[in-house]
Amino acid sequence: MQKTSSRLLALLSLLQTRRDWSGEELAVRLDITVRTVRRDIDRLRELGYPVTAVKGPAGGYRLDAGGQLPPLLFDDDQAVALALALQSAAGGTGTLAEGAARALTVIRQVMPARLRHRMDLLRVTTVHPPETGDAPQVDTRVLTDLSTAIHARDELRFDYAQDRKAPNAPQRRRVHPHHLVAWHRRWYLLAWDLDRDDWRTFRVDRIHPRTPTGPRFTPRELPGGDVTAFVTSRFRGSDGTTTDWPCRGEVILDLPATTAARFAQDAVVEELGPDRCRLTLGSWSWTGLAAALGRFDADIHVIGPPELHDAFARLATRYTNATHTTPVP
């Protein structure tokens, strides 16, 4: 029979793997008696683990959430995955990154040498694209308040600053919160806007919740049912039912395919010869698509559609006028 301390750790590990266990199942897995299982459950409770009894013909046990966070057990893969996730989060800014960095330090200190070595071999650095100004700071208390309202299905009321540079002119908003979304280093709240009668996304760093929250609501069904697809579609300028760009065109560039591919992002590049390639690219507008194609710094031959031809003509006129425009002092 295992020593008591080892047996308690094994018991705790089993309780973390699934929701309910019968006393008989635990006794068989640990090669002990049901009576010993009961004693060990009592010891775990004394150590602060919220193990509750499950009613039923055979009875059983469940490890529930408690008022405090007790020590946790992870297998090797879970520990390394957690450390890598914290490394990535710690590479950001704000209170979330600070909390992740502190948690990573704690976990690394108690890791066995073999796991610490694995983590060091997999050490990653999160590289964010340079941005003008400071990265948006998100208050973890705001994230918690929004998450609580989402879970409780409470109407949210908050002041929303359209521009962080004009915090003194916020808008009052009323929404039914649906999801918190992380997108390109920013947190967003996906919600049904009660005053605009439509789905909206709000930057969390610009939200200032008001208390108390509003009445309970019955959640609406998100178009398409997939949060990732819906948010991707909205950020691409579509209606939320498709992840494709609303405007998509096809051109031939006098540029090697290998060169174009470096800047093509999600475009499709086909090689047509040593110095020519076909490019299929999408954008939120036809003018935006034409402007995006101009960044390749090569001769462009438009295949279609006609809207893309027209967009290049508009841009050509606009750029020509810009060369003759007198700067405003």
Protein backbone atom coordinates (compact mmCIF):
# COMPACT_ATOMS: atom_id res chain seq x y z
CA MET A 1 0.00 0.00 0.00
CA GLN A 2 1.20 3.52 -0.80
CA LYS A 3 2.23 5.88 1.97
CA THR A 4 -0.56 8.20 3.08
CA SER A 5 0.92 11.32 1.45
CA SER A 6 1.48 9.59 -1.89
CA ARG A 7 -1.97 8.04 -1.73
CA LEU A 8 -3.59 11.43 -1.09
CA LEU A 9 -1.84 12.90 -4.12
CA ALA A 10 -3.00 9.97 -6.25
CA LEU A 11 -6.55 10.38 -4.95
CA LEU A 12 -6.52 14.10 -5.68
CA SER A 13 -5.23 13.45 -9.19
CA LEU A 14 -8.10 11.04 -9.86
CA LEU A 15 -10.70 13.49 -8.53
CA GLN A 16 -9.39 16.13 -10.96
CA THR A 17 -9.73 13.89 -14.03
CA ARG A 18 -13.52 13.60 -14.10
CA ARG A 19 -16.57 14.98 -12.33
CA ASP A 20 -17.89 12.08 -10.22
CA TRP A 21 -16.27 8.99 -8.69
CA SER A 22 -17.86 6.25 -6.63
CA GLY A 23 -16.08 5.10 -3.52
CA GLU A 24 -15.73 1.61 -4.99
CA GLU A 25 -14.08 2.95 -8.17
CA LEU A 26 -11.57 4.97 -6.18
CA ALA A 27 -10.81 1.98 -3.95
CA VAL A 28 -10.10 -0.23 -6.97
CA ARG A 29 -7.92 2.37 -8.69
CA LEU A 30 -5.87 3.01 -5.55
CA ASP A 31 -5.88 -0.62 -4.34
CA ILE A 32 -7.30 0.31 -0.94
CA THR A 33 -10.53 -0.28 0.94
CA VAL A 34 -13.63 1.91 0.71
CA ARG A 35 -13.14 2.77 4.36
CA THR A 36 -9.64 4.08 3.60
CA VAL A 37 -11.08 6.12 0.74
CA ARG A 38 -13.47 7.79 3.20
CA ARG A 39 -10.64 8.59 5.59
CA ASP A 40 -8.50 10.02 2.79
CA ILE A 41 -11.41 12.14 1.56
CA ASP A 42 -11.70 13.59 5.07
CA ARG A 43 -7.97 14.38 5.04
CA LEU A 44 -8.31 16.22 1.73
CA ARG A 45 -11.18 18.24 3.18
CA GLU A 46 -9.02 19.17 6.16
CA LEU A 47 -6.38 20.42 3.71
CA GLY A 48 -8.93 22.73 2.08
CA TYR A 49 -10.05 20.68 -0.92
CA PRO A 50 -13.85 21.00 -1.41
CA VAL A 51 -14.72 17.31 -1.91
CA THR A 52 -18.49 16.84 -1.72
CA ALA A 53 -20.54 13.68 -1.40
CA VAL A 54 -22.66 12.69 -4.41
CA LYS A 55 -26.10 11.28 -3.67
CA GLY A 56 -27.24 8.15 -5.42
CA PRO A 57 -27.60 4.37 -5.08
CA ALA A 58 -23.84 3.86 -4.81
CA GLY A 59 -22.87 7.31 -3.56
CA GLY A 60 -19.64 8.93 -4.56
CA TYR A 61 -17.41 11.98 -4.46
CA ARG A 62 -16.87 15.15 -6.46
CA LEU A 63 -14.15 17.80 -6.34
CA ASP A 64 -15.99 21.13 -6.48
CA ALA A 65 -14.89 24.73 -6.64
CA GLY A 66 -14.27 26.26 -3.23
CA GLY A 67 -13.79 29.66 -1.67
CA GLN A 68 -10.01 29.46 -1.98
CA LEU A 69 -7.66 28.02 -4.56
CA PRO A 70 -6.08 24.88 -3.10
CA PRO A 71 -2.86 23.31 -4.45
CA LEU A 72 -3.41 21.70 -7.85
CA LEU A 73 -1.89 18.69 -9.56
CA PHE A 74 -0.91 18.63 -13.23
CA ASP A 75 0.56 15.88 -15.34
CA ASP A 76 3.76 16.66 -17.26
CA ASP A 77 2.09 17.74 -20.50
CA GLN A 78 -0.42 19.93 -18.65
CA ALA A 79 2.33 21.65 -16.67
CA VAL A 80 4.40 22.43 -19.77
CA ALA A 81 1.34 23.63 -21.72
CA LEU A 82 0.35 25.90 -18.83
CA ALA A 83 3.86 27.36 -18.63
CA LEU A 84 3.93 28.07 -22.37
CA ALA A 85 0.51 29.72 -22.24
CA LEU A 86 1.69 31.93 -19.38
CA GLN A 87 4.86 32.81 -21.31
CA SER A 88 2.75 34.02 -24.21
CA ALA A 89 0.40 36.02 -21.97
CA ALA A 90 3.32 37.53 -20.05
CA GLY A 91 4.68 38.96 -23.29
CA GLY A 92 1.86 41.51 -23.43
CA THR A 93 1.19 44.58 -21.32
CA GLY A 94 -1.10 45.56 -18.48
CA THR A 95 -2.34 43.78 -15.40
CA LEU A 96 -3.06 40.53 -17.26
CA ALA A 97 0.55 40.29 -18.42
CA GLU A 98 1.82 41.14 -14.95
CA GLY A 99 -0.35 38.44 -13.38
CA ALA A 100 0.80 35.90 -15.97
CA ALA A 101 4.45 36.74 -15.29
CA ARG A 102 3.99 36.26 -11.54
CA ALA A 103 2.15 32.97 -12.05
CA LEU A 104 4.89 31.75 -14.39
CA THR A 105 7.53 32.48 -11.76
CA VAL A 106 5.60 30.52 -9.12
CA ILE A 107 5.03 27.53 -11.39
CA ARG A 108 8.63 27.43 -12.59
CA GLN A 109 9.93 27.42 -9.00
CA VAL A 110 8.00 24.29 -8.07
CA MET A 111 8.50 22.41 -11.34
CA PRO A 112 10.60 19.25 -11.24
CA ALA A 113 13.95 19.63 -12.96
CA ARG A 114 12.87 17.48 -15.93
CA LEU A 115 9.85 19.70 -16.62
CA ARG A 116 11.79 22.91 -16.12
CA HIS A 117 14.27 21.64 -18.71
CA ARG A 118 11.44 20.92 -21.17
CA MET A 119 9.98 24.34 -20.60
CA ASP A 120 13.35 26.02 -21.17
CA LEU A 121 13.74 24.14 -24.45
CA LEU A 122 10.30 25.39 -25.51
CA ARG A 123 10.78 28.95 -24.28
CA VAL A 124 8.96 31.39 -26.54
CA THR A 125 8.98 35.14 -27.04
CA THR A 126 5.72 36.79 -28.03
CA VAL A 127 6.42 39.35 -30.75
CA HIS A 128 3.75 41.97 -31.33
CA PRO A 129 3.73 44.27 -34.37
CA PRO A 130 4.79 47.83 -33.58
CA GLU A 131 1.93 50.21 -32.96
CA THR A 132 1.67 53.93 -32.56
CA GLY A 133 1.05 54.93 -28.99
CA ASP A 134 0.73 52.69 -25.99
CA ALA A 135 -0.96 49.30 -26.20
CA PRO A 136 -4.48 49.38 -24.73
CA GLN A 137 -4.60 48.53 -21.04
CA VAL A 138 -7.46 46.33 -19.88
CA ASP A 139 -8.52 46.29 -16.23
CA THR A 140 -8.98 42.70 -15.04
CA ARG A 141 -11.88 43.89 -12.87
CA VAL A 142 -13.70 45.06 -16.00
CA LEU A 143 -13.09 41.68 -17.64
CA THR A 144 -14.48 40.00 -14.53
CA ASP A 145 -17.53 42.27 -14.44
CA LEU A 146 -18.28 41.61 -18.11
CA SER A 147 -17.80 37.86 -17.70
CA THR A 148 -20.14 37.85 -14.70
CA ALA A 149 -22.85 39.67 -16.68
CA ILE A 150 -22.44 37.26 -19.61
CA HIS A 151 -22.77 34.25 -17.34
CA ALA A 152 -25.74 35.69 -15.41
CA ARG A 153 -27.40 37.00 -18.60
CA ASP A 154 -27.75 40.46 -17.11
CA GLU A 155 -28.30 43.54 -19.24
CA LEU A 156 -25.17 45.69 -19.22
CA ARG A 157 -25.07 49.46 -18.98
CA PHE A 158 -21.79 51.24 -19.56
CA ASP A 159 -20.12 54.41 -20.76
CA TYR A 160 -18.20 53.84 -23.97
CA ALA A 161 -15.42 56.12 -25.20
CA GLN A 162 -15.34 56.06 -29.00
CA ASP A 163 -11.78 57.39 -28.88
CA ARG A 164 -9.33 56.87 -26.03
CA LYS A 165 -8.00 60.35 -26.74
CA ALA A 166 -11.43 61.81 -25.90
CA PRO A 167 -12.38 60.06 -22.67
CA ASN A 168 -14.54 62.99 -21.57
CA ALA A 169 -17.15 62.39 -24.27
CA PRO A 170 -18.36 58.81 -23.71
CA GLN A 171 -21.60 57.35 -25.04
CA ARG A 172 -24.14 55.63 -22.82
CA ARG A 173 -24.80 52.09 -24.10
CA ARG A 174 -27.24 49.31 -23.16
CA VAL A 175 -26.47 45.80 -24.39
CA HIS A 176 -27.14 42.13 -23.92
CA PRO A 177 -23.58 40.75 -23.51
CA HIS A 178 -22.79 37.57 -25.42
CA HIS A 179 -19.02 36.82 -25.49
CA LEU A 180 -15.60 38.19 -24.62
CA VAL A 181 -13.26 37.93 -27.60
CA ALA A 182 -9.47 38.37 -27.90
CA TRP A 183 -8.50 39.73 -31.33
CA HIS A 184 -5.09 41.08 -32.36
CA ARG A 185 -3.87 42.04 -28.86
CA ARG A 186 -7.22 43.59 -27.90
CA TRP A 187 -10.20 42.43 -25.88
CA TYR A 188 -13.68 42.95 -27.31
CA LEU A 189 -17.18 42.48 -25.97
CA LEU A 190 -19.59 40.94 -28.47
CA ALA A 191 -23.12 42.03 -27.58
CA TRP A 192 -26.59 42.84 -28.87
CA ASP A 193 -26.96 46.63 -28.80
CA LEU A 194 -30.45 47.43 -27.52
CA ASP A 195 -30.52 50.99 -28.90
CA ARG A 196 -29.16 50.10 -32.35
CA ASP A 197 -31.03 46.80 -32.62
CA ASP A 198 -28.00 44.97 -33.97
CA TRP A 199 -24.88 43.04 -32.98
CA ARG A 200 -21.89 45.17 -32.03
CA THR A 201 -18.31 44.67 -30.85
CA PHE A 202 -16.92 47.01 -28.17
CA ARG A 203 -13.31 47.45 -27.15
CA VAL A 204 -13.06 46.47 -23.50
CA ASP A 205 -10.39 49.09 -22.74
CA ARG A 206 -12.99 51.76 -23.60
CA ILE A 207 -15.80 50.30 -21.49
CA HIS A 208 -16.66 51.77 -18.08
CA PRO A 209 -19.41 49.57 -16.57
CA ARG A 210 -22.26 51.13 -14.62
CA THR A 211 -23.90 49.54 -11.61
CA PRO A 212 -26.23 47.98 -10.97
CA THR A 213 -26.68 45.80 -14.04
CA GLY A 214 -30.05 45.66 -15.75
CA PRO A 215 -32.70 42.94 -15.85
CA ARG A 216 -32.11 39.36 -16.95
CA PHE A 217 -32.55 38.60 -20.64
CA THR A 218 -33.03 35.63 -22.92
CA PRO A 219 -29.94 35.35 -25.19
CA ARG A 220 -30.41 35.77 -28.92
CA GLU A 221 -28.98 33.22 -31.31
CA LEU A 222 -25.79 34.49 -32.90
CA PRO A 223 -26.02 34.44 -36.73
CA GLY A 224 -24.24 31.32 -37.90
CA GLY A 225 -23.80 30.13 -34.30
CA ASP A 226 -19.98 30.41 -34.39
CA VAL A 227 -18.38 33.27 -32.45
CA THR A 228 -15.04 33.08 -34.28
CA ALA A 229 -16.65 33.10 -37.72
CA PHE A 230 -19.05 35.90 -36.80
CA VAL A 231 -16.38 38.20 -35.35
CA THR A 232 -14.00 37.52 -38.27
CA SER A 233 -16.78 38.36 -40.70
CA ARG A 234 -17.67 41.62 -38.92
CA PHE A 235 -14.06 42.78 -38.77
CA ARG A 236 -13.79 42.08 -42.49
CA GLY A 237 -16.78 44.31 -43.20
CA SER A 238 -19.33 41.54 -43.84
CA ASP A 239 -22.68 40.92 -42.19
CA GLY A 240 -21.49 38.10 -39.93
CA THR A 241 -22.79 35.22 -42.02
CA THR A 242 -19.61 34.59 -44.02
CA THR A 243 -15.90 34.87 -43.25
CA ASP A 244 -15.08 35.85 -46.83
CA TRP A 245 -14.15 39.42 -47.69
CA PRO A 246 -17.08 41.42 -49.14
CA CYS A 247 -14.85 42.56 -52.03
CA ARG A 248 -12.51 40.14 -53.81
CA GLY A 249 -10.56 40.72 -57.00
CA GLU A 250 -8.00 39.10 -59.24
CA VAL A 251 -4.93 40.70 -60.84
CA ILE A 252 -1.65 39.79 -62.52
CA LEU A 253 1.48 41.33 -61.06
CA ASP A 254 4.77 41.78 -62.89
CA LEU A 255 6.51 40.32 -59.88
CA PRO A 256 7.93 36.88 -59.00
CA ALA A 257 5.51 34.78 -56.97
CA THR A 258 8.09 34.28 -54.22
CA THR A 259 8.43 38.05 -53.80
CA ALA A 260 4.67 38.69 -53.79
CA ALA A 261 4.07 35.89 -51.28
CA ARG A 262 6.08 37.74 -48.62
CA PHE A 263 3.46 40.50 -48.50
CA ALA A 264 0.36 38.60 -49.64
CA GLN A 265 -0.96 37.76 -46.15
CA ASP A 266 -4.17 35.76 -46.80
CA ALA A 267 -4.11 36.28 -50.59
CA VAL A 268 -3.75 33.41 -53.07
CA VAL A 269 -0.57 33.64 -55.16
CA GLU A 270 -0.09 31.58 -58.36
CA GLU A 271 3.16 31.55 -60.30
CA LEU A 272 2.75 32.38 -64.02
CA GLY A 273 6.42 32.64 -64.90
CA PRO A 274 9.76 33.77 -63.50
CA ASP A 275 8.61 37.40 -63.19
CA ARG A 276 4.79 37.19 -63.17
CA CYS A 277 2.13 35.89 -60.82
CA ARG A 278 -1.62 35.85 -60.38
CA LEU A 279 -2.95 37.32 -57.14
CA THR A 280 -6.45 36.86 -55.67
CA LEU A 281 -7.06 39.16 -52.73
CA GLY A 282 -9.96 40.39 -50.61
CA SER A 283 -10.71 43.61 -48.72
CA TRP A 284 -13.53 45.45 -46.96
CA SER A 285 -14.05 47.81 -49.94
CA TRP A 286 -13.06 48.03 -53.61
CA THR A 287 -11.03 51.17 -53.04
CA GLY A 288 -9.33 49.52 -50.08
CA LEU A 289 -8.53 46.50 -52.28
CA ALA A 290 -7.03 48.67 -55.02
CA ALA A 291 -4.93 50.53 -52.46
CA ALA A 292 -3.74 47.25 -50.93
CA LEU A 293 -2.59 45.99 -54.34
CA GLY A 294 -0.55 49.15 -54.82
CA ARG A 295 1.78 48.15 -51.98
CA PHE A 296 3.40 45.47 -54.17
CA ASP A 297 5.21 48.23 -56.12
CA ALA A 298 4.82 46.49 -59.49
CA ASP A 299 2.82 46.87 -62.70
CA ILE A 300 -0.75 45.61 -62.21
CA HIS A 301 -3.05 44.04 -64.81
CA VAL A 302 -6.63 43.80 -63.55
CA ILE A 303 -8.50 40.63 -64.45
CA GLY A 304 -11.68 41.54 -62.63
CA PRO A 305 -14.26 42.24 -61.53
CA PRO A 306 -15.30 45.58 -63.11
CA GLU A 307 -15.64 47.15 -59.64
CA LEU A 308 -11.90 46.75 -59.17
CA HIS A 309 -11.24 48.54 -62.49
CA ASP A 310 -13.41 51.43 -61.30
CA ALA A 311 -11.66 51.55 -57.93
CA PHE A 312 -8.24 51.90 -59.61
CA ALA A 313 -9.62 54.72 -61.76
CA ARG A 314 -10.91 56.56 -58.68
CA LEU A 315 -7.60 56.13 -56.90
CA ALA A 316 -5.66 57.31 -59.96
CA THR A 317 -7.70 60.51 -60.06
CA ARG A 318 -7.39 60.98 -56.31
CA TYR A 319 -3.61 60.49 -56.32
CA THR A 320 -3.19 62.80 -59.31
CA ASN A 321 -5.17 65.50 -57.54
CA ALA A 322 -3.05 65.01 -54.44
CA THR A 323 0.10 65.97 -56.35
CA HIS A 324 -1.42 69.38 -57.17
CA THR A 325 -3.07 70.06 -53.83
CA THR A 326 -1.69 72.96 -51.81
CA PRO A 327 -1.00 71.81 -48.25
CA VAL A 328 -3.26 73.34 -45.60
CA PRO A 329 -1.12 75.35 -43.13
